[in-house]
């Protein structure tokens, strides 16, 4: 098993009429994960208008800690409580930058990956500097860079880059790149 951080991306569509119950259930799952050793963070990406597929992102320090959470009794009980709230579950396990773009032949070219990351990073970085630039200017350079990267890195990794890649999926999948889709990792049980 790998000892590098691993991200589990899970997509689920809300069953008709169960929107509020579904959201409460999602947040319960996020809270549950925080109690497990190796937990690095999680997030929920809401679908764009007209879509009902939510994406959940769970990040753990390595495969072993993710597996401990995935196979825990408390997670099984949580999944059982969620029965009837969603349809069409999909999951994808990834490491590093592949968590945003897929892997192997499904991954778009690096230049498209760079554009997607830049399109997420530029407005967030600009906004952060517009809001906090004066305060950061009063700090020594190392402290200012340390503070801004401590704030922006998790925001980018868990929210804005996944959102950017989701919104740019049609462009990222244009001819010349193979279609990227959610799928269950081989040998792993399906998420419910």
N, C-alpha and C. Protein backbone atom coordinates (compact mmCIF):
# COMPACT_ATOMS: atom_id res chain seq x y z
N UNK A 1 0.83 -1.20 0.00
CA UNK A 1 0.00 0.00 0.00
C UNK A 1 0.87 1.25 0.00
N UNK A 2 0.34 2.31 -0.59
CA UNK A 2 1.06 3.56 -0.70
C UNK A 2 1.11 4.28 0.64
N UNK A 3 2.19 5.04 0.86
CA UNK A 3 2.30 5.84 2.08
C UNK A 3 2.14 7.33 1.79
N UNK A 4 1.72 7.68 0.56
CA UNK A 4 1.48 9.09 0.25
C UNK A 4 0.00 9.41 0.47
N UNK A 5 -0.33 10.70 0.67
CA UNK A 5 -1.74 11.07 0.89
C UNK A 5 -2.62 10.59 -0.26
N UNK A 6 -3.83 10.20 0.08
CA UNK A 6 -4.76 9.68 -0.91
C UNK A 6 -6.10 10.40 -0.76
N UNK A 7 -6.73 10.66 -1.89
CA UNK A 7 -8.01 11.36 -1.93
C UNK A 7 -9.07 10.42 -2.46
N UNK A 8 -10.19 10.36 -1.78
CA UNK A 8 -11.34 9.60 -2.26
C UNK A 8 -12.39 10.61 -2.70
N UNK A 9 -12.72 10.58 -3.98
CA UNK A 9 -13.73 11.46 -4.54
C UNK A 9 -14.98 10.62 -4.77
N UNK A 10 -16.08 11.02 -4.17
CA UNK A 10 -17.33 10.27 -4.28
C UNK A 10 -18.41 11.19 -4.82
N UNK A 11 -19.12 10.73 -5.84
CA UNK A 11 -20.21 11.51 -6.43
C UNK A 11 -21.52 10.77 -6.18
N UNK A 12 -22.53 11.52 -5.78
CA UNK A 12 -23.86 10.94 -5.55
C UNK A 12 -24.92 11.93 -6.01
N UNK A 13 -25.94 11.39 -6.66
CA UNK A 13 -27.08 12.21 -7.10
C UNK A 13 -28.18 12.14 -6.05
N UNK A 14 -28.77 13.30 -5.75
CA UNK A 14 -29.83 13.39 -4.75
C UNK A 14 -31.08 12.71 -5.28
N UNK A 15 -31.66 11.85 -4.47
CA UNK A 15 -32.95 11.24 -4.83
C UNK A 15 -34.02 12.33 -4.73
N UNK A 16 -34.96 12.33 -5.66
CA UNK A 16 -36.02 13.34 -5.71
C UNK A 16 -36.69 13.53 -4.35
N UNK A 17 -36.83 14.81 -3.96
CA UNK A 17 -37.54 15.14 -2.73
C UNK A 17 -36.73 14.95 -1.45
N UNK A 18 -35.48 14.56 -1.53
CA UNK A 18 -34.69 14.26 -0.32
C UNK A 18 -33.52 15.22 -0.13
N UNK A 19 -33.59 16.37 -0.74
CA UNK A 19 -32.48 17.32 -0.75
C UNK A 19 -31.97 17.66 0.65
N UNK A 20 -32.84 18.12 1.55
CA UNK A 20 -32.41 18.55 2.89
C UNK A 20 -31.89 17.38 3.71
N UNK A 21 -32.54 16.23 3.61
CA UNK A 21 -32.06 15.04 4.32
C UNK A 21 -30.69 14.62 3.79
N UNK A 22 -30.52 14.72 2.47
CA UNK A 22 -29.26 14.35 1.85
C UNK A 22 -28.12 15.24 2.34
N UNK A 23 -28.35 16.57 2.37
CA UNK A 23 -27.31 17.50 2.82
C UNK A 23 -26.95 17.26 4.28
N UNK A 24 -27.93 17.01 5.11
CA UNK A 24 -27.64 16.71 6.53
C UNK A 24 -26.81 15.43 6.63
N UNK A 25 -27.15 14.44 5.83
CA UNK A 25 -26.41 13.18 5.83
C UNK A 25 -24.97 13.38 5.36
N UNK A 26 -24.76 14.20 4.32
CA UNK A 26 -23.40 14.50 3.84
C UNK A 26 -22.56 15.11 4.94
N UNK A 27 -23.10 16.09 5.63
CA UNK A 27 -22.34 16.77 6.67
C UNK A 27 -22.07 15.84 7.85
N UNK A 28 -22.98 14.94 8.12
CA UNK A 28 -22.74 13.93 9.15
C UNK A 28 -21.53 13.06 8.77
N UNK A 29 -21.44 12.69 7.49
CA UNK A 29 -20.31 11.88 7.02
C UNK A 29 -18.99 12.62 7.13
N UNK A 30 -19.00 13.92 6.81
CA UNK A 30 -17.78 14.72 6.95
C UNK A 30 -17.34 14.75 8.41
N UNK A 31 -18.29 14.96 9.32
CA UNK A 31 -17.97 15.01 10.74
C UNK A 31 -17.44 13.67 11.23
N UNK A 32 -18.02 12.60 10.75
CA UNK A 32 -17.58 11.26 11.13
C UNK A 32 -16.11 11.04 10.76
N UNK A 33 -15.72 11.47 9.56
CA UNK A 33 -14.35 11.26 9.09
C UNK A 33 -13.33 11.98 9.96
N UNK A 34 -13.70 13.12 10.55
CA UNK A 34 -12.75 13.90 11.36
C UNK A 34 -12.24 13.14 12.57
N UNK A 35 -12.98 12.13 13.01
CA UNK A 35 -12.58 11.36 14.20
C UNK A 35 -11.55 10.28 13.91
N UNK A 36 -11.18 10.09 12.66
CA UNK A 36 -10.28 8.99 12.30
C UNK A 36 -8.83 9.47 12.17
N UNK A 37 -7.89 8.67 12.69
CA UNK A 37 -6.47 9.01 12.52
C UNK A 37 -6.13 9.08 11.03
N UNK A 38 -5.29 10.02 10.68
CA UNK A 38 -4.86 10.15 9.29
C UNK A 38 -5.77 11.03 8.45
N UNK A 39 -6.88 11.50 9.02
CA UNK A 39 -7.80 12.37 8.30
C UNK A 39 -7.12 13.72 8.03
N UNK A 40 -7.12 14.16 6.76
CA UNK A 40 -6.48 15.42 6.39
C UNK A 40 -7.48 16.50 6.00
N UNK A 41 -8.71 16.12 5.72
CA UNK A 41 -9.71 17.11 5.35
C UNK A 41 -10.75 16.52 4.43
N UNK A 42 -11.84 17.26 4.28
CA UNK A 42 -12.91 16.82 3.39
C UNK A 42 -13.68 18.05 2.93
N UNK A 43 -14.52 17.85 1.96
CA UNK A 43 -15.33 18.94 1.45
C UNK A 43 -16.46 18.40 0.59
N UNK A 44 -17.44 19.24 0.38
CA UNK A 44 -18.58 18.89 -0.46
C UNK A 44 -18.69 19.96 -1.54
N UNK A 45 -18.72 19.52 -2.79
CA UNK A 45 -18.90 20.43 -3.91
C UNK A 45 -20.34 20.32 -4.40
N UNK A 46 -21.05 21.43 -4.35
CA UNK A 46 -22.42 21.45 -4.82
C UNK A 46 -22.43 21.41 -6.35
N UNK A 47 -23.47 20.85 -6.92
CA UNK A 47 -23.54 20.78 -8.39
C UNK A 47 -23.86 22.14 -8.99
N UNK A 48 -23.53 22.31 -10.27
CA UNK A 48 -23.93 23.55 -10.95
C UNK A 48 -25.45 23.56 -11.13
N UNK A 49 -26.03 24.72 -11.42
CA UNK A 49 -27.48 24.80 -11.62
C UNK A 49 -27.95 23.79 -12.67
N UNK A 50 -29.06 23.13 -12.37
CA UNK A 50 -29.63 22.16 -13.29
C UNK A 50 -29.09 20.75 -13.10
N UNK A 51 -28.15 20.56 -12.20
CA UNK A 51 -27.58 19.24 -11.94
C UNK A 51 -27.89 18.87 -10.50
N UNK A 52 -27.88 17.58 -10.18
CA UNK A 52 -28.15 17.16 -8.82
C UNK A 52 -27.07 16.23 -8.27
N UNK A 53 -25.88 16.24 -8.90
CA UNK A 53 -24.80 15.37 -8.45
C UNK A 53 -23.83 16.15 -7.56
N UNK A 54 -23.77 15.74 -6.30
CA UNK A 54 -22.83 16.31 -5.34
C UNK A 54 -21.56 15.50 -5.34
N UNK A 55 -20.43 16.17 -5.12
CA UNK A 55 -19.15 15.49 -5.03
C UNK A 55 -18.60 15.69 -3.62
N UNK A 56 -18.19 14.61 -3.01
CA UNK A 56 -17.57 14.65 -1.69
C UNK A 56 -16.11 14.27 -1.85
N UNK A 57 -15.27 14.99 -1.15
CA UNK A 57 -13.84 14.75 -1.22
C UNK A 57 -13.36 14.43 0.19
N UNK A 58 -12.75 13.27 0.36
CA UNK A 58 -12.16 12.86 1.63
C UNK A 58 -10.68 12.63 1.40
N UNK A 59 -9.84 13.24 2.22
CA UNK A 59 -8.39 13.09 2.05
C UNK A 59 -7.80 12.51 3.34
N UNK A 60 -6.98 11.47 3.17
CA UNK A 60 -6.32 10.80 4.29
C UNK A 60 -4.82 10.73 4.04
N UNK A 61 -4.06 10.53 5.10
CA UNK A 61 -2.60 10.57 5.01
C UNK A 61 -2.01 9.44 4.18
N UNK A 62 -2.71 8.31 4.08
CA UNK A 62 -2.21 7.19 3.27
C UNK A 62 -3.33 6.18 3.05
N UNK A 63 -3.04 5.16 2.26
CA UNK A 63 -4.05 4.12 1.94
C UNK A 63 -4.55 3.41 3.20
N UNK A 64 -3.66 3.16 4.15
CA UNK A 64 -4.04 2.43 5.35
C UNK A 64 -5.07 3.20 6.18
N UNK A 65 -4.84 4.50 6.34
CA UNK A 65 -5.80 5.27 7.15
C UNK A 65 -7.12 5.44 6.42
N UNK A 66 -7.08 5.58 5.10
CA UNK A 66 -8.32 5.65 4.33
C UNK A 66 -9.07 4.32 4.44
N UNK A 67 -8.36 3.22 4.33
CA UNK A 67 -8.99 1.89 4.43
C UNK A 67 -9.62 1.69 5.81
N UNK A 68 -8.95 2.15 6.86
CA UNK A 68 -9.51 2.01 8.20
C UNK A 68 -10.84 2.75 8.31
N UNK A 69 -10.90 3.94 7.74
CA UNK A 69 -12.15 4.69 7.76
C UNK A 69 -13.21 4.03 6.87
N UNK A 70 -12.81 3.62 5.66
CA UNK A 70 -13.77 3.01 4.73
C UNK A 70 -14.42 1.75 5.28
N UNK A 71 -13.66 0.97 6.03
CA UNK A 71 -14.16 -0.32 6.50
C UNK A 71 -14.62 -0.28 7.96
N UNK A 72 -14.76 0.92 8.51
CA UNK A 72 -15.17 1.05 9.91
C UNK A 72 -16.67 0.79 10.08
N UNK A 73 -17.01 0.35 11.27
CA UNK A 73 -18.42 0.12 11.60
C UNK A 73 -19.21 1.42 11.56
N UNK A 74 -18.60 2.51 12.02
CA UNK A 74 -19.32 3.79 12.04
C UNK A 74 -19.62 4.29 10.62
N UNK A 75 -18.69 4.07 9.69
CA UNK A 75 -18.96 4.48 8.30
C UNK A 75 -20.04 3.59 7.69
N UNK A 76 -19.98 2.30 7.97
CA UNK A 76 -21.03 1.40 7.45
C UNK A 76 -22.40 1.82 7.97
N UNK A 77 -22.47 2.19 9.25
CA UNK A 77 -23.75 2.64 9.82
C UNK A 77 -24.21 3.94 9.15
N UNK A 78 -23.25 4.84 8.88
CA UNK A 78 -23.58 6.10 8.19
C UNK A 78 -24.11 5.81 6.79
N UNK A 79 -23.45 4.93 6.05
CA UNK A 79 -23.92 4.58 4.71
C UNK A 79 -25.32 3.96 4.76
N UNK A 80 -25.56 3.15 5.76
CA UNK A 80 -26.88 2.52 5.92
C UNK A 80 -27.95 3.60 6.16
N UNK A 81 -27.63 4.60 6.99
CA UNK A 81 -28.58 5.69 7.24
C UNK A 81 -28.85 6.50 5.98
N UNK A 82 -27.91 6.50 5.03
CA UNK A 82 -28.08 7.26 3.79
C UNK A 82 -28.88 6.55 2.72
N UNK A 83 -29.17 5.26 2.93
CA UNK A 83 -29.95 4.53 1.92
C UNK A 83 -31.25 5.27 1.63
N UNK A 84 -31.55 5.41 0.35
CA UNK A 84 -32.78 6.08 -0.05
C UNK A 84 -32.62 7.59 -0.28
N UNK A 85 -31.45 8.14 0.07
CA UNK A 85 -31.24 9.58 -0.10
C UNK A 85 -30.56 9.92 -1.42
N UNK A 86 -29.93 8.94 -2.06
CA UNK A 86 -29.17 9.22 -3.28
C UNK A 86 -29.27 8.06 -4.26
N UNK A 87 -28.86 8.33 -5.48
CA UNK A 87 -28.79 7.32 -6.54
C UNK A 87 -27.46 7.47 -7.26
N UNK A 88 -27.09 6.51 -8.04
CA UNK A 88 -25.91 6.53 -8.92
C UNK A 88 -24.61 6.93 -8.20
N UNK A 89 -24.21 6.19 -7.16
CA UNK A 89 -22.93 6.54 -6.52
C UNK A 89 -21.74 6.14 -7.40
N UNK A 90 -20.75 6.99 -7.43
CA UNK A 90 -19.50 6.73 -8.14
C UNK A 90 -18.36 7.10 -7.22
N UNK A 91 -17.23 6.45 -7.35
CA UNK A 91 -16.08 6.86 -6.56
C UNK A 91 -14.80 6.73 -7.36
N UNK A 92 -13.83 7.55 -6.99
CA UNK A 92 -12.53 7.57 -7.66
C UNK A 92 -11.48 7.83 -6.59
N UNK A 93 -10.45 7.04 -6.58
CA UNK A 93 -9.35 7.18 -5.61
C UNK A 93 -8.14 7.72 -6.37
N UNK A 94 -7.49 8.73 -5.78
CA UNK A 94 -6.36 9.34 -6.48
C UNK A 94 -5.31 9.83 -5.50
N UNK A 95 -4.11 9.99 -6.02
CA UNK A 95 -2.98 10.52 -5.26
C UNK A 95 -2.45 11.75 -5.98
N UNK A 96 -2.00 12.73 -5.21
CA UNK A 96 -1.36 13.91 -5.79
C UNK A 96 -2.28 14.67 -6.73
N UNK A 97 -1.70 15.26 -7.76
CA UNK A 97 -2.44 16.07 -8.73
C UNK A 97 -3.43 15.22 -9.53
N UNK A 98 -3.21 13.90 -9.60
CA UNK A 98 -4.14 13.03 -10.31
C UNK A 98 -5.53 13.08 -9.71
N UNK A 99 -5.64 13.49 -8.46
CA UNK A 99 -6.95 13.60 -7.83
C UNK A 99 -7.85 14.60 -8.52
N UNK A 100 -7.26 15.52 -9.24
CA UNK A 100 -8.06 16.52 -9.94
C UNK A 100 -8.31 16.16 -11.39
N UNK A 101 -7.42 15.41 -12.01
CA UNK A 101 -7.48 15.22 -13.45
C UNK A 101 -7.60 13.78 -13.92
N UNK A 102 -7.68 12.79 -13.05
CA UNK A 102 -7.69 11.40 -13.48
C UNK A 102 -6.26 10.90 -13.57
N UNK A 103 -6.07 9.76 -14.21
CA UNK A 103 -4.73 9.21 -14.29
C UNK A 103 -4.55 8.48 -15.61
N UNK A 104 -3.31 8.16 -15.92
CA UNK A 104 -3.00 7.40 -17.12
C UNK A 104 -3.47 8.09 -18.38
N UNK A 105 -4.06 7.32 -19.28
CA UNK A 105 -4.50 7.86 -20.56
C UNK A 105 -5.68 8.81 -20.43
N UNK A 106 -6.41 8.74 -19.32
CA UNK A 106 -7.58 9.61 -19.15
C UNK A 106 -7.18 11.04 -18.78
N UNK A 107 -5.95 11.25 -18.40
CA UNK A 107 -5.52 12.56 -17.94
C UNK A 107 -5.34 13.50 -19.12
N UNK A 108 -5.86 14.75 -19.02
CA UNK A 108 -5.63 15.72 -20.09
C UNK A 108 -4.16 16.13 -20.13
N UNK A 109 -3.72 16.75 -21.23
CA UNK A 109 -2.31 17.18 -21.30
C UNK A 109 -1.98 18.16 -20.18
N UNK A 110 -0.71 18.19 -19.80
CA UNK A 110 -0.25 19.05 -18.70
C UNK A 110 -0.59 20.52 -18.94
N UNK A 111 -0.56 20.98 -20.19
CA UNK A 111 -0.86 22.39 -20.42
C UNK A 111 -2.32 22.71 -20.08
N UNK A 112 -3.23 21.75 -20.34
CA UNK A 112 -4.63 21.97 -19.96
C UNK A 112 -4.79 21.91 -18.44
N UNK A 113 -4.06 21.02 -17.80
CA UNK A 113 -4.07 20.97 -16.34
C UNK A 113 -3.59 22.30 -15.75
N UNK A 114 -2.52 22.84 -16.34
CA UNK A 114 -1.97 24.12 -15.86
C UNK A 114 -2.98 25.25 -16.01
N UNK A 115 -3.68 25.28 -17.13
CA UNK A 115 -4.69 26.31 -17.35
C UNK A 115 -5.81 26.19 -16.32
N UNK A 116 -6.28 24.97 -16.08
CA UNK A 116 -7.36 24.75 -15.10
C UNK A 116 -6.93 25.19 -13.70
N UNK A 117 -5.70 24.88 -13.32
CA UNK A 117 -5.20 25.28 -12.00
C UNK A 117 -5.06 26.80 -11.94
N UNK A 118 -4.51 27.41 -12.99
CA UNK A 118 -4.33 28.85 -13.00
C UNK A 118 -5.69 29.57 -12.93
N UNK A 119 -6.68 29.07 -13.66
CA UNK A 119 -8.01 29.69 -13.65
C UNK A 119 -8.65 29.63 -12.27
N UNK A 120 -8.29 28.64 -11.49
CA UNK A 120 -8.77 28.57 -10.11
C UNK A 120 -7.93 29.46 -9.20
N UNK A 121 -6.62 29.41 -9.38
CA UNK A 121 -5.71 30.09 -8.45
C UNK A 121 -5.72 31.60 -8.60
N UNK A 122 -5.75 32.12 -9.81
CA UNK A 122 -5.64 33.56 -10.01
C UNK A 122 -6.72 34.35 -9.28
N UNK A 123 -8.02 34.07 -9.49
CA UNK A 123 -9.03 34.90 -8.81
C UNK A 123 -9.01 34.74 -7.29
N UNK A 124 -8.70 33.53 -6.81
CA UNK A 124 -8.65 33.32 -5.36
C UNK A 124 -7.47 34.07 -4.76
N UNK A 125 -6.32 33.97 -5.40
CA UNK A 125 -5.13 34.67 -4.92
C UNK A 125 -5.32 36.18 -4.99
N UNK A 126 -5.90 36.65 -6.08
CA UNK A 126 -6.17 38.08 -6.23
C UNK A 126 -7.11 38.57 -5.13
N UNK A 127 -8.19 37.84 -4.88
CA UNK A 127 -9.14 38.22 -3.84
C UNK A 127 -8.49 38.22 -2.46
N UNK A 128 -7.71 37.20 -2.18
CA UNK A 128 -7.03 37.10 -0.89
C UNK A 128 -6.10 38.31 -0.69
N UNK A 129 -5.33 38.64 -1.73
CA UNK A 129 -4.41 39.77 -1.62
C UNK A 129 -5.15 41.11 -1.55
N UNK A 130 -6.27 41.22 -2.24
CA UNK A 130 -7.06 42.45 -2.17
C UNK A 130 -7.62 42.64 -0.75
N UNK A 131 -8.05 41.54 -0.14
CA UNK A 131 -8.63 41.62 1.20
C UNK A 131 -7.58 41.77 2.30
N UNK A 132 -6.47 41.06 2.17
CA UNK A 132 -5.50 40.98 3.27
C UNK A 132 -4.11 41.51 2.92
N UNK A 133 -3.96 42.07 1.72
CA UNK A 133 -2.65 42.53 1.26
C UNK A 133 -2.00 43.55 2.17
N UNK A 134 -2.79 44.52 2.68
CA UNK A 134 -2.22 45.54 3.56
C UNK A 134 -1.67 44.92 4.84
N UNK A 135 -2.40 43.97 5.40
CA UNK A 135 -1.94 43.30 6.62
C UNK A 135 -0.71 42.45 6.33
N UNK A 136 -0.70 41.78 5.18
CA UNK A 136 0.45 40.96 4.82
C UNK A 136 1.69 41.80 4.56
N UNK A 137 1.50 43.02 4.01
CA UNK A 137 2.64 43.91 3.73
C UNK A 137 3.37 44.32 5.01
N UNK A 138 2.69 44.31 6.14
CA UNK A 138 3.32 44.70 7.40
C UNK A 138 4.14 43.57 8.01
N UNK A 139 3.99 42.36 7.47
CA UNK A 139 4.73 41.21 7.99
C UNK A 139 6.03 41.03 7.22
N UNK A 140 7.01 40.38 7.84
CA UNK A 140 8.21 40.01 7.07
C UNK A 140 7.80 39.09 5.91
N UNK A 141 8.57 39.11 4.84
CA UNK A 141 8.23 38.36 3.63
C UNK A 141 7.96 36.88 3.92
N UNK A 142 8.83 36.23 4.68
CA UNK A 142 8.66 34.80 4.96
C UNK A 142 7.35 34.56 5.70
N UNK A 143 7.04 35.39 6.68
CA UNK A 143 5.79 35.23 7.44
C UNK A 143 4.57 35.46 6.55
N UNK A 144 4.64 36.47 5.68
CA UNK A 144 3.52 36.76 4.78
C UNK A 144 3.27 35.61 3.82
N UNK A 145 4.33 35.08 3.24
CA UNK A 145 4.18 33.95 2.31
C UNK A 145 3.71 32.71 3.05
N UNK A 146 4.25 32.47 4.24
CA UNK A 146 3.83 31.32 5.05
C UNK A 146 2.34 31.41 5.36
N UNK A 147 1.89 32.55 5.82
CA UNK A 147 0.48 32.72 6.17
C UNK A 147 -0.43 32.56 4.95
N UNK A 148 -0.07 33.20 3.84
CA UNK A 148 -0.94 33.12 2.66
C UNK A 148 -0.98 31.69 2.10
N UNK A 149 0.14 30.99 2.10
CA UNK A 149 0.10 29.61 1.58
C UNK A 149 -0.62 28.68 2.53
N UNK A 150 -0.53 28.92 3.84
CA UNK A 150 -1.29 28.09 4.80
C UNK A 150 -2.79 28.25 4.62
N UNK A 151 -3.22 29.44 4.24
CA UNK A 151 -4.65 29.69 4.02
C UNK A 151 -5.07 29.21 2.63
N UNK A 152 -4.31 29.57 1.60
CA UNK A 152 -4.74 29.31 0.23
C UNK A 152 -4.58 27.86 -0.22
N UNK A 153 -3.56 27.16 0.24
CA UNK A 153 -3.33 25.79 -0.23
C UNK A 153 -4.52 24.87 0.04
N UNK A 154 -5.04 24.81 1.29
CA UNK A 154 -6.22 23.94 1.48
C UNK A 154 -7.43 24.40 0.69
N UNK A 155 -7.64 25.72 0.59
CA UNK A 155 -8.77 26.21 -0.20
C UNK A 155 -8.66 25.78 -1.65
N UNK A 156 -7.45 25.87 -2.19
CA UNK A 156 -7.25 25.48 -3.58
C UNK A 156 -7.39 23.97 -3.76
N UNK A 157 -6.76 23.20 -2.88
CA UNK A 157 -6.73 21.75 -3.04
C UNK A 157 -8.09 21.10 -2.83
N UNK A 158 -8.88 21.63 -1.89
CA UNK A 158 -10.13 20.97 -1.56
C UNK A 158 -11.37 21.61 -2.16
N UNK A 159 -11.25 22.83 -2.63
CA UNK A 159 -12.46 23.49 -3.13
C UNK A 159 -12.29 24.05 -4.55
N UNK A 160 -11.37 24.97 -4.74
CA UNK A 160 -11.35 25.72 -5.99
C UNK A 160 -10.77 24.95 -7.18
N UNK A 161 -9.72 24.18 -7.01
CA UNK A 161 -9.20 23.41 -8.15
C UNK A 161 -10.17 22.30 -8.53
N UNK A 162 -10.74 21.53 -7.57
CA UNK A 162 -11.76 20.56 -7.99
C UNK A 162 -12.96 21.22 -8.68
N UNK A 163 -13.36 22.39 -8.20
CA UNK A 163 -14.47 23.10 -8.84
C UNK A 163 -14.09 23.53 -10.26
N UNK A 164 -12.89 24.07 -10.42
CA UNK A 164 -12.43 24.49 -11.74
C UNK A 164 -12.40 23.31 -12.71
N UNK A 165 -11.85 22.19 -12.27
CA UNK A 165 -11.76 21.03 -13.17
C UNK A 165 -13.14 20.47 -13.50
N UNK A 166 -14.06 20.56 -12.54
CA UNK A 166 -15.42 20.10 -12.84
C UNK A 166 -16.08 20.99 -13.88
N UNK A 167 -15.95 22.30 -13.71
CA UNK A 167 -16.56 23.23 -14.66
C UNK A 167 -15.91 23.16 -16.04
N UNK A 168 -14.62 22.82 -16.08
CA UNK A 168 -13.89 22.74 -17.34
C UNK A 168 -13.86 21.34 -17.94
N UNK A 169 -14.57 20.39 -17.35
CA UNK A 169 -14.52 19.01 -17.82
C UNK A 169 -14.78 18.87 -19.32
N UNK A 170 -15.79 19.53 -19.90
CA UNK A 170 -15.97 19.37 -21.36
C UNK A 170 -14.74 19.78 -22.16
N UNK A 171 -14.09 20.87 -21.77
CA UNK A 171 -12.89 21.31 -22.47
C UNK A 171 -11.72 20.36 -22.21
N UNK A 172 -11.58 19.93 -20.96
CA UNK A 172 -10.49 19.01 -20.62
C UNK A 172 -10.63 17.68 -21.36
N UNK A 173 -11.87 17.31 -21.71
CA UNK A 173 -12.12 16.02 -22.36
C UNK A 173 -12.24 16.12 -23.87
N UNK A 174 -11.99 17.28 -24.44
CA UNK A 174 -12.09 17.43 -25.90
C UNK A 174 -11.21 16.42 -26.60
N UNK A 175 -11.48 16.17 -27.90
CA UNK A 175 -10.63 15.24 -28.66
C UNK A 175 -9.15 15.54 -28.42
N UNK A 176 -8.43 14.46 -28.33
CA UNK A 176 -7.02 14.58 -27.98
C UNK A 176 -6.78 14.18 -26.54
N UNK A 177 -7.86 14.18 -25.75
CA UNK A 177 -7.80 13.66 -24.39
C UNK A 177 -8.91 12.63 -24.27
N UNK A 178 -8.66 11.62 -23.54
CA UNK A 178 -9.63 10.56 -23.34
C UNK A 178 -10.63 10.99 -22.28
N UNK A 179 -11.85 10.56 -22.41
CA UNK A 179 -12.90 10.95 -21.48
C UNK A 179 -12.57 10.58 -20.05
N UNK A 180 -12.76 11.51 -19.14
CA UNK A 180 -12.49 11.34 -17.73
C UNK A 180 -13.81 11.06 -17.05
N UNK A 181 -13.90 10.02 -16.29
CA UNK A 181 -15.16 9.73 -15.61
C UNK A 181 -14.89 9.12 -14.25
N UNK A 182 -15.90 9.25 -13.42
CA UNK A 182 -15.82 8.67 -12.08
C UNK A 182 -15.89 7.16 -12.21
N UNK A 183 -15.07 6.46 -11.45
CA UNK A 183 -15.17 5.00 -11.43
C UNK A 183 -14.61 4.48 -10.13
N UNK A 184 -15.01 3.30 -9.83
CA UNK A 184 -14.56 2.62 -8.62
C UNK A 184 -13.18 2.04 -8.89
N UNK A 185 -12.29 2.18 -7.91
CA UNK A 185 -10.95 1.61 -8.05
C UNK A 185 -11.06 0.10 -8.09
N UNK A 186 -10.26 -0.59 -8.93
CA UNK A 186 -10.32 -2.06 -9.01
C UNK A 186 -10.09 -2.69 -7.67
N UNK A 187 -10.91 -3.69 -7.36
CA UNK A 187 -10.75 -4.44 -6.12
C UNK A 187 -11.33 -3.76 -4.91
N UNK A 188 -11.95 -2.58 -5.06
CA UNK A 188 -12.52 -1.87 -3.93
C UNK A 188 -14.03 -2.07 -3.92
N UNK A 189 -14.62 -2.16 -2.74
CA UNK A 189 -16.09 -2.28 -2.66
C UNK A 189 -16.75 -1.01 -3.14
N UNK A 190 -17.89 -1.13 -3.73
CA UNK A 190 -18.63 0.05 -4.22
C UNK A 190 -19.13 0.85 -3.05
N UNK A 191 -19.12 2.17 -3.18
CA UNK A 191 -19.69 3.05 -2.16
C UNK A 191 -21.21 2.98 -2.29
N UNK A 192 -21.89 3.08 -1.18
CA UNK A 192 -23.35 3.03 -1.18
C UNK A 192 -23.94 4.35 -0.80
